[in-house]
Amino acid sequence: MSDTPGTFTQIAPDGRRETVTRPVAIEQPIAIEMNGLGYAVMMATPAHLEDFAFGFALSERLIESAADIVAVDVHPAETGTILRIHLIEARRPLVIERVRHRISESSCGLCGIENLEQALRPLPVVEGRVPAAPAVFAALKALRAAQPLGNATGAVHGAAFCGADGAIRLVREDVGRHNAFDKLIGAMARAGMGWDDGFALLTARCSYELVEKAALAGCPALVTISAATSLALQRAQDCGLALITLARPDSFLQLT
């Protein structure tokens, strides 16, 4: 379940009041366990959690491919959801090294990191391919219709896998922009989908964490609706990721 009904008083400029009921995006704690060890608690939308498990593990550099995950169990709890991820035995030492008990708002890739060198670990080199401008504008035009939860609630981010022609092939949504991208990455990994000549389109500002997730997923190009931070630009240049930001219906900015 990704939304729940909410009752509000709608107030117009002329002071008129009306009771309305509309969908509200669900945000709840998702407690993540790796091989029986408590790893993190994320605030997320409890939908497509199996996809989230795979994308989160990839973004945390705990696995190298979907084959490193043996099973994923989703257990609803009274105050949230427990997401149990079972990795192959060879990955256990890395989990033990990185394990921690803390609450974070989203999968930022820094939880459990102890120093600056670890925070800015080298990223894999990406063979960046800049999407054709018509494809970017086509994807932007089609994105809203591909976000059912976003349209219903107005409170979630979307992450889309777009083909070289801009056609949207897959979308995942979440209250957190990082989580939405993790879900998309995880869904693609589980399905054995490659990026080919396509790109990722995110309804978010371009923070460095999203650049890192793209690089770790082998994504050749990242397009975001809002602007990029300085570190996001630096990390994209360092790894070769093609980056487009402030993507709007009439223009976008391309990193050169």
C-alpha atoms as a PDB file:
ATOM      1  CA  MET A   1       0.000   0.000   0.000  1.00  0.00           C
ATOM      2  CA  SER A   2       1.451   3.379  -1.014  1.00  0.00           C
ATOM      3  CA  ASP A   3      -1.268   5.861  -0.047  1.00  0.00           C
ATOM      4  CA  THR A   4      -4.044   6.320   2.497  1.00  0.00           C
ATOM      5  CA  PRO A   5      -7.086   8.654   2.651  1.00  0.00           C
ATOM      6  CA  GLY A   6      -6.754  11.975   4.464  1.00  0.00           C
ATOM      7  CA  THR A   7      -9.442  14.524   5.353  1.00  0.00           C
ATOM      8  CA  PHE A   8      -8.695  18.259   5.080  1.00  0.00           C
ATOM      9  CA  THR A   9     -10.394  21.628   5.105  1.00  0.00           C
ATOM     10  CA  GLN A  10      -9.862  23.305   1.753  1.00  0.00           C
ATOM     11  CA  ILE A  11      -9.840  27.110   2.003  1.00  0.00           C
ATOM     12  CA  ALA A  12     -10.366  29.350  -1.038  1.00  0.00           C
ATOM     13  CA  PRO A  13      -9.034  32.923  -1.460  1.00  0.00           C
ATOM     14  CA  ASP A  14     -12.513  34.298  -0.771  1.00  0.00           C
ATOM     15  CA  GLY A  15     -12.667  32.432   2.542  1.00  0.00           C
ATOM     16  CA  ARG A  16     -14.965  29.620   1.418  1.00  0.00           C
ATOM     17  CA  ARG A  17     -14.285  26.349   3.236  1.00  0.00           C
ATOM     18  CA  GLU A  18     -14.927  22.820   2.050  1.00  0.00           C
ATOM     19  CA  THR A  19     -14.164  19.431   3.573  1.00  0.00           C
ATOM     20  CA  VAL A  20     -12.234  17.284   1.101  1.00  0.00           C
ATOM     21  CA  THR A  21     -10.748  13.793   1.173  1.00  0.00           C
ATOM     22  CA  ARG A  22      -7.682  13.012  -0.880  1.00  0.00           C
ATOM     23  CA  PRO A  23      -4.916  10.382  -1.010  1.00  0.00           C
ATOM     24  CA  VAL A  24      -1.884  10.912   1.227  1.00  0.00           C
ATOM     25  CA  ALA A  25       1.464   9.304   0.427  1.00  0.00           C
ATOM     26  CA  ILE A  26       2.510   6.810   3.097  1.00  0.00           C
ATOM     27  CA  GLU A  27       5.849   7.456   4.795  1.00  0.00           C
ATOM     28  CA  GLN A  28       6.992   4.924   7.371  1.00  0.00           C
ATOM     29  CA  PRO A  29      10.175   3.461   8.890  1.00  0.00           C
ATOM     30  CA  ILE A  30      11.659   0.585   6.899  1.00  0.00           C
ATOM     31  CA  ALA A  31      14.068  -1.378   9.096  1.00  0.00           C
ATOM     32  CA  ILE A  32      16.675  -3.037   6.899  1.00  0.00           C
ATOM     33  CA  GLU A  33      18.429  -6.198   8.044  1.00  0.00           C
ATOM     34  CA  MET A  34      21.373  -7.695   6.178  1.00  0.00           C
ATOM     35  CA  ASN A  35      21.994 -11.378   6.923  1.00  0.00           C
ATOM     36  CA  GLY A  36      20.267 -11.004  10.269  1.00  0.00           C
ATOM     37  CA  LEU A  37      22.147  -7.846  11.277  1.00  0.00           C
ATOM     38  CA  GLY A  38      20.365  -4.533  11.799  1.00  0.00           C
ATOM     39  CA  TYR A  39      21.786  -2.241   9.110  1.00  0.00           C
ATOM     40  CA  ALA A  40      19.670   0.906   8.787  1.00  0.00           C
ATOM     41  CA  VAL A  41      16.219   2.394   9.232  1.00  0.00           C
ATOM     42  CA  MET A  42      14.983   4.335   6.224  1.00  0.00           C
ATOM     43  CA  MET A  43      11.933   6.577   5.923  1.00  0.00           C
ATOM     44  CA  ALA A  44      10.247   5.417   2.726  1.00  0.00           C
ATOM     45  CA  THR A  45       7.036   4.512   0.939  1.00  0.00           C
ATOM     46  CA  PRO A  46       6.233   0.815   1.576  1.00  0.00           C
ATOM     47  CA  ALA A  47       5.779  -0.148  -2.083  1.00  0.00           C
ATOM     48  CA  HIS A  48       8.123  -2.121  -4.374  1.00  0.00           C
ATOM     49  CA  LEU A  49      10.276  -2.932  -1.357  1.00  0.00           C
ATOM     50  CA  GLU A  50      11.880  -5.936  -3.057  1.00  0.00           C
ATOM     51  CA  ASP A  51      13.165  -3.555  -5.740  1.00  0.00           C
ATOM     52  CA  PHE A  52      14.312  -1.183  -3.001  1.00  0.00           C
ATOM     53  CA  ALA A  53      16.271  -3.992  -1.332  1.00  0.00           C
ATOM     54  CA  PHE A  54      18.296  -4.698  -4.469  1.00  0.00           C
ATOM     55  CA  GLY A  55      18.871  -1.038  -5.325  1.00  0.00           C
ATOM     56  CA  PHE A  56      19.827  -0.136  -1.766  1.00  0.00           C
ATOM     57  CA  ALA A  57      22.357  -2.975  -1.535  1.00  0.00           C
ATOM     58  CA  LEU A  58      23.887  -1.978  -4.880  1.00  0.00           C
ATOM     59  CA  SER A  59      24.073   1.708  -3.920  1.00  0.00           C
ATOM     60  CA  GLU A  60      25.666   0.810  -0.586  1.00  0.00           C
ATOM     61  CA  ARG A  61      28.302  -1.226  -2.487  1.00  0.00           C
ATOM     62  CA  LEU A  62      27.354  -4.308  -0.498  1.00  0.00           C
ATOM     63  CA  ILE A  63      26.731  -6.368  -3.629  1.00  0.00           C
ATOM     64  CA  GLU A  64      28.121  -6.372  -7.147  1.00  0.00           C
ATOM     65  CA  SER A  65      25.086  -7.790  -8.934  1.00  0.00           C
ATOM     66  CA  ALA A  66      21.585  -9.070  -8.281  1.00  0.00           C
ATOM     67  CA  ALA A  67      23.002 -12.586  -8.008  1.00  0.00           C
ATOM     68  CA  ASP A  68      24.599 -11.641  -4.671  1.00  0.00           C
ATOM     69  CA  ILE A  69      21.144 -11.514  -3.055  1.00  0.00           C
ATOM     70  CA  VAL A  70      19.713 -14.906  -2.136  1.00  0.00           C
ATOM     71  CA  ALA A  71      16.305 -13.753  -0.891  1.00  0.00           C
ATOM     72  CA  VAL A  72      14.335 -10.738   0.301  1.00  0.00           C
ATOM     73  CA  ASP A  73      11.625 -10.988   2.963  1.00  0.00           C
ATOM     74  CA  VAL A  74       9.149  -8.192   3.688  1.00  0.00           C
ATOM     75  CA  HIS A  75       7.542  -8.289   7.143  1.00  0.00           C
ATOM     76  CA  PRO A  76       4.874  -5.688   8.050  1.00  0.00           C
ATOM     77  CA  ALA A  77       5.205  -4.564  11.671  1.00  0.00           C
ATOM     78  CA  GLU A  78       3.016  -2.470  13.970  1.00  0.00           C
ATOM     79  CA  THR A  79       4.946   0.751  13.380  1.00  0.00           C
ATOM     80  CA  GLY A  80       6.571   0.100  10.011  1.00  0.00           C
ATOM     81  CA  THR A  81       8.101  -2.658   7.911  1.00  0.00           C
ATOM     82  CA  ILE A  82      11.081  -4.964   8.370  1.00  0.00           C
ATOM     83  CA  LEU A  83      13.009  -5.644   5.174  1.00  0.00           C
ATOM     84  CA  ARG A  84      15.242  -8.700   5.553  1.00  0.00           C
ATOM     85  CA  ILE A  85      17.893  -9.040   2.847  1.00  0.00           C
ATOM     86  CA  HIS A  86      19.856 -12.283   2.631  1.00  0.00           C
ATOM     87  CA  LEU A  87      23.207 -11.987   0.836  1.00  0.00           C
ATOM     88  CA  ILE A  88      25.531 -14.735  -0.281  1.00  0.00           C
ATOM     89  CA  GLU A  89      27.994 -15.749   2.421  1.00  0.00           C
ATOM     90  CA  ALA A  90      30.921 -14.124   0.587  1.00  0.00           C
ATOM     91  CA  ARG A  91      29.384 -10.671   1.188  1.00  0.00           C
ATOM     92  CA  ARG A  92      28.923 -11.130   4.942  1.00  0.00           C
ATOM     93  CA  PRO A  93      32.333  -9.683   5.963  1.00  0.00           C
ATOM     94  CA  LEU A  94      31.527  -6.435   4.167  1.00  0.00           C
ATOM     95  CA  VAL A  95      28.152  -6.213   5.878  1.00  0.00           C
ATOM     96  CA  ILE A  96      29.756  -6.740   9.281  1.00  0.00           C
ATOM     97  CA  GLU A  97      32.308  -4.021   8.498  1.00  0.00           C
ATOM     98  CA  ARG A  98      29.641  -1.503   7.534  1.00  0.00           C
ATOM     99  CA  VAL A  99      26.876  -2.492   9.922  1.00  0.00           C
ATOM    100  CA  ARG A 100      25.424   0.263  12.046  1.00  0.00           C
ATOM    101  CA  HIS A 101      22.299   1.162  13.987  1.00  0.00           C
ATOM    102  CA  ARG A 102      20.991   4.592  13.136  1.00  0.00           C
ATOM    103  CA  ILE A 103      18.080   6.368  11.522  1.00  0.00           C
ATOM    104  CA  SER A 104      18.630   8.261   8.274  1.00  0.00           C
ATOM    105  CA  GLU A 105      16.075  10.049   6.127  1.00  0.00           C
ATOM    106  CA  SER A 106      17.237   8.444   2.885  1.00  0.00           C
ATOM    107  CA  SER A 107      19.873   6.229   1.347  1.00  0.00           C
ATOM    108  CA  CYS A 108      22.604   8.811   1.023  1.00  0.00           C
ATOM    109  CA  GLY A 109      25.535   6.427   0.827  1.00  0.00           C
ATOM    110  CA  LEU A 110      27.301   7.971   3.834  1.00  0.00           C
ATOM    111  CA  CYS A 111      25.753   6.072   6.722  1.00  0.00           C
ATOM    112  CA  GLY A 112      28.461   4.174   8.535  1.00  0.00           C
ATOM    113  CA  ILE A 113      31.259   6.038   6.730  1.00  0.00           C
ATOM    114  CA  GLU A 114      33.948   7.078   9.164  1.00  0.00           C
ATOM    115  CA  ASN A 115      36.182   9.537   7.299  1.00  0.00           C
ATOM    116  CA  LEU A 116      36.383  11.892   4.328  1.00  0.00           C
ATOM    117  CA  GLU A 117      38.361   9.467   2.194  1.00  0.00           C
ATOM    118  CA  GLN A 118      35.620   6.863   2.515  1.00  0.00           C
ATOM    119  CA  ALA A 119      32.928   9.448   1.818  1.00  0.00           C
ATOM    120  CA  LEU A 120      34.478  10.323  -1.549  1.00  0.00           C
ATOM    121  CA  ARG A 121      35.535   6.867  -2.640  1.00  0.00           C
ATOM    122  CA  PRO A 122      36.401   6.538  -6.349  1.00  0.00           C
ATOM    123  CA  LEU A 123      33.468   5.744  -8.598  1.00  0.00           C
ATOM    124  CA  PRO A 124      33.516   3.313 -11.515  1.00  0.00           C
ATOM    125  CA  VAL A 125      34.153   5.015 -14.844  1.00  0.00           C
ATOM    126  CA  VAL A 126      30.958   5.380 -16.857  1.00  0.00           C
ATOM    127  CA  GLU A 127      30.845   5.577 -20.650  1.00  0.00           C
ATOM    128  CA  GLY A 128      28.659   8.645 -20.598  1.00  0.00           C
ATOM    129  CA  ARG A 129      26.360   9.207 -23.572  1.00  0.00           C
ATOM    130  CA  VAL A 130      24.486  12.496 -23.781  1.00  0.00           C
ATOM    131  CA  PRO A 131      20.828  11.887 -24.687  1.00  0.00           C
ATOM    132  CA  ALA A 132      19.483  13.608 -27.785  1.00  0.00           C
ATOM    133  CA  ALA A 133      17.593  16.789 -26.892  1.00  0.00           C
ATOM    134  CA  PRO A 134      14.305  15.603 -28.461  1.00  0.00           C
ATOM    135  CA  ALA A 135      14.480  12.445 -26.312  1.00  0.00           C
ATOM    136  CA  VAL A 136      14.916  14.461 -23.116  1.00  0.00           C
ATOM    137  CA  PHE A 137      11.979  16.721 -23.913  1.00  0.00           C
ATOM    138  CA  ALA A 138       9.828  13.724 -24.894  1.00  0.00           C
ATOM    139  CA  ALA A 139      10.596  12.027 -21.564  1.00  0.00           C
ATOM    140  CA  LEU A 140       9.805  15.185 -19.604  1.00  0.00           C
ATOM    141  CA  LYS A 141       6.473  15.502 -21.388  1.00  0.00           C
ATOM    142  CA  ALA A 142       5.542  11.878 -20.646  1.00  0.00           C
ATOM    143  CA  LEU A 143       6.794  11.700 -17.060  1.00  0.00           C
ATOM    144  CA  ARG A 144       3.782  13.127 -15.237  1.00  0.00           C
ATOM    145  CA  ALA A 145       1.371  10.614 -16.743  1.00  0.00           C
ATOM    146  CA  ALA A 146       3.738   7.821 -15.652  1.00  0.00           C
ATOM    147  CA  GLN A 147       3.562   8.796 -11.959  1.00  0.00           C
ATOM    148  CA  PRO A 148       0.248   7.514 -10.565  1.00  0.00           C
ATOM    149  CA  LEU A 149       1.190   8.008  -6.916  1.00  0.00           C
ATOM    150  CA  GLY A 150       2.650  11.436  -7.584  1.00  0.00           C
ATOM    151  CA  ASN A 151      -0.478  12.525  -9.430  1.00  0.00           C
ATOM    152  CA  ALA A 152      -2.714  11.255  -6.642  1.00  0.00           C
ATOM    153  CA  THR A 153      -0.803  12.696  -3.692  1.00  0.00           C
ATOM    154  CA  GLY A 154       1.533  15.424  -4.953  1.00  0.00           C
ATOM    155  CA  ALA A 155       4.034  14.229  -2.353  1.00  0.00           C
ATOM    156  CA  VAL A 156       6.462  11.759  -3.915  1.00  0.00           C
ATOM    157  CA  HIS A 157       9.465  11.712  -6.231  1.00  0.00           C
ATOM    158  CA  GLY A 158       9.706   9.678  -9.394  1.00  0.00           C
ATOM    159  CA  ALA A 159      12.661   7.926 -11.036  1.00  0.00           C
ATOM    160  CA  ALA A 160      12.268   6.796 -14.634  1.00  0.00           C
ATOM    161  CA  PHE A 161      14.284   4.639 -17.014  1.00  0.00           C
ATOM    162  CA  CYS A 162      13.956   6.244 -20.438  1.00  0.00           C
ATOM    163  CA  GLY A 163      14.938   4.726 -23.765  1.00  0.00           C
ATOM    164  CA  ALA A 164      17.181   6.447 -26.298  1.00  0.00           C
ATOM    165  CA  ASP A 165      14.049   7.879 -27.921  1.00  0.00           C
ATOM    166  CA  GLY A 166      12.780   9.284 -24.617  1.00  0.00           C
ATOM    167  CA  ALA A 167      10.058   6.657 -24.169  1.00  0.00           C
ATOM    168  CA  ILE A 168       9.563   5.868 -20.490  1.00  0.00           C
ATOM    169  CA  ARG A 169      10.094   2.152 -19.906  1.00  0.00           C
ATOM    170  CA  LEU A 170       9.945   1.877 -16.124  1.00  0.00           C
ATOM    171  CA  VAL A 171       9.109   4.172 -13.193  1.00  0.00           C
ATOM    172  CA  ARG A 172       9.394   3.847  -9.441  1.00  0.00           C
ATOM    173  CA  GLU A 173       8.091   6.348  -6.858  1.00  0.00           C
ATOM    174  CA  ASP A 174       8.844   7.132  -3.211  1.00  0.00           C
ATOM    175  CA  VAL A 175       8.644   9.964  -0.703  1.00  0.00           C
ATOM    176  CA  GLY A 176      12.454  10.090  -0.883  1.00  0.00           C
ATOM    177  CA  ARG A 177      14.280  10.899  -4.108  1.00  0.00           C
ATOM    178  CA  HIS A 178      17.139   8.544  -3.180  1.00  0.00           C
ATOM    179  CA  ASN A 179      14.697   5.746  -2.422  1.00  0.00           C
ATOM    180  CA  ALA A 180      12.865   6.221  -5.713  1.00  0.00           C
ATOM    181  CA  PHE A 181      16.152   5.870  -7.608  1.00  0.00           C
ATOM    182  CA  ASP A 182      17.157   2.834  -5.547  1.00  0.00           C
ATOM    183  CA  LYS A 183      13.824   1.217  -6.383  1.00  0.00           C
ATOM    184  CA  LEU A 184      14.334   1.881 -10.091  1.00  0.00           C
ATOM    185  CA  ILE A 185      17.890   0.535 -10.022  1.00  0.00           C
ATOM    186  CA  GLY A 186      16.753  -2.508  -8.077  1.00  0.00           C
ATOM    187  CA  ALA A 187      13.833  -3.215 -10.414  1.00  0.00           C
ATOM    188  CA  MET A 188      16.148  -3.071 -13.425  1.00  0.00           C
ATOM    189  CA  ALA A 189      18.727  -5.322 -11.748  1.00  0.00           C
ATOM    190  CA  ARG A 190      16.094  -7.906 -10.821  1.00  0.00           C
ATOM    191  CA  ALA A 191      14.748  -7.919 -14.393  1.00  0.00           C
ATOM    192  CA  GLY A 192      18.213  -8.076 -15.961  1.00  0.00           C
ATOM    193  CA  MET A 193      17.601  -4.784 -17.779  1.00  0.00           C
ATOM    194  CA  GLY A 194      20.544  -2.801 -19.118  1.00  0.00           C
ATOM    195  CA  TRP A 195      20.615   0.939 -19.725  1.00  0.00           C
ATOM    196  CA  ASP A 196      21.531   0.473 -23.407  1.00  0.00           C
ATOM    197  CA  ASP A 197      21.524   4.001 -24.869  1.00  0.00           C
ATOM    198  CA  GLY A 198      18.897   5.219 -22.430  1.00  0.00           C
ATOM    199  CA  PHE A 199      19.029   7.481 -19.393  1.00  0.00           C
ATOM    200  CA  ALA A 200      17.580   8.059 -15.937  1.00  0.00           C
ATOM    201  CA  LEU A 201      15.143  10.915 -15.335  1.00  0.00           C
ATOM    202  CA  LEU A 202      14.561  12.040 -11.738  1.00  0.00           C
ATOM    203  CA  THR A 203      12.095  14.524 -10.265  1.00  0.00           C
ATOM    204  CA  ALA A 204      14.689  15.931  -7.902  1.00  0.00           C
ATOM    205  CA  ARG A 205      17.613  18.245  -7.455  1.00  0.00           C
ATOM    206  CA  CYS A 206      20.870  16.667  -8.529  1.00  0.00           C
ATOM    207  CA  SER A 207      22.776  15.903  -5.344  1.00  0.00           C
ATOM    208  CA  TYR A 208      26.056  14.011  -5.363  1.00  0.00           C
ATOM    209  CA  GLU A 209      24.372  10.894  -3.940  1.00  0.00           C
ATOM    210  CA  LEU A 210      22.205  10.542  -7.047  1.00  0.00           C
ATOM    211  CA  VAL A 211      25.279  10.901  -9.269  1.00  0.00           C
ATOM    212  CA  GLU A 212      26.996   8.156  -7.291  1.00  0.00           C
ATOM    213  CA  LYS A 213      23.973   5.858  -7.515  1.00  0.00           C
ATOM    214  CA  ALA A 214      23.875   6.380 -11.276  1.00  0.00           C
ATOM    215  CA  ALA A 215      27.566   5.586 -11.658  1.00  0.00           C
ATOM    216  CA  LEU A 216      27.374   2.493  -9.461  1.00  0.00           C
ATOM    217  CA  ALA A 217      24.406   1.269 -11.510  1.00  0.00           C
ATOM    218  CA  GLY A 218      26.276   1.776 -14.791  1.00  0.00           C
ATOM    219  CA  CYS A 219      23.829   4.446 -15.936  1.00  0.00           C
ATOM    220  CA  PRO A 220      25.383   6.437 -18.821  1.00  0.00           C
ATOM    221  CA  ALA A 221      23.305   9.611 -18.393  1.00  0.00           C
ATOM    222  CA  LEU A 222      21.346  11.270 -15.597  1.00  0.00           C
ATOM    223  CA  VAL A 223      18.673  13.925 -16.105  1.00  0.00           C
ATOM    224  CA  THR A 224      17.184  15.806 -13.153  1.00  0.00           C
ATOM    225  CA  ILE A 225      14.342  18.300 -12.970  1.00  0.00           C
ATOM    226  CA  SER A 226      16.184  20.653 -10.596  1.00  0.00           C
ATOM    227  CA  ALA A 227      19.709  22.013 -10.426  1.00  0.00           C
ATOM    228  CA  ALA A 228      22.921  20.279  -9.356  1.00  0.00           C
ATOM    229  CA  THR A 229      25.180  20.907  -6.393  1.00  0.00           C
ATOM    230  CA  SER A 230      28.885  21.604  -6.843  1.00  0.00           C
ATOM    231  CA  LEU A 231      29.883  18.164  -5.582  1.00  0.00           C
ATOM    232  CA  ALA A 232      27.404  16.479  -7.915  1.00  0.00           C
ATOM    233  CA  LEU A 233      29.022  18.229 -10.872  1.00  0.00           C
ATOM    234  CA  GLN A 234      32.496  17.290  -9.688  1.00  0.00           C
ATOM    235  CA  ARG A 235      31.615  13.638  -9.160  1.00  0.00           C
ATOM    236  CA  ALA A 236      29.903  13.424 -12.550  1.00  0.00           C
ATOM    237  CA  GLN A 237      32.979  14.838 -14.266  1.00  0.00           C
ATOM    238  CA  ASP A 238      35.262  12.486 -12.335  1.00  0.00           C
ATOM    239  CA  CYS A 239      33.403   9.339 -13.428  1.00  0.00           C
ATOM    240  CA  GLY A 240      32.369  10.398 -16.931  1.00  0.00           C
ATOM    241  CA  LEU A 241      28.624  10.470 -16.283  1.00  0.00           C
ATOM    242  CA  ALA A 242      26.662  12.550 -18.801  1.00  0.00           C
ATOM    243  CA  LEU A 243      24.643  14.994 -16.721  1.00  0.00           C
ATOM    244  CA  ILE A 244      21.652  17.182 -17.587  1.00  0.00           C
ATOM    245  CA  THR A 245      20.008  19.362 -14.933  1.00  0.00           C
ATOM    246  CA  LEU A 246      17.252  21.973 -14.653  1.00  0.00           C
ATOM    247  CA  ALA A 247      15.419  19.943 -17.264  1.00  0.00           C
ATOM    248  CA  ARG A 248      12.243  21.843 -18.054  1.00  0.00           C
ATOM    249  CA  PRO A 249       9.809  21.758 -20.994  1.00  0.00           C
ATOM    250  CA  ASP A 250      11.582  24.649 -22.730  1.00  0.00           C
ATOM    251  CA  SER A 251      15.283  24.090 -21.898  1.00  0.00           C
ATOM    252  CA  PHE A 252      17.885  22.182 -19.916  1.00  0.00           C
ATOM    253  CA  LEU A 253      21.481  22.567 -18.771  1.00  0.00           C
ATOM    254  CA  GLN A 254      24.092  20.071 -20.004  1.00  0.00           C
ATOM    255  CA  LEU A 255      27.332  19.589 -18.097  1.00  0.00           C
ATOM    256  CA  THR A 256      30.322  20.239 -20.371  1.00  0.00           C
END
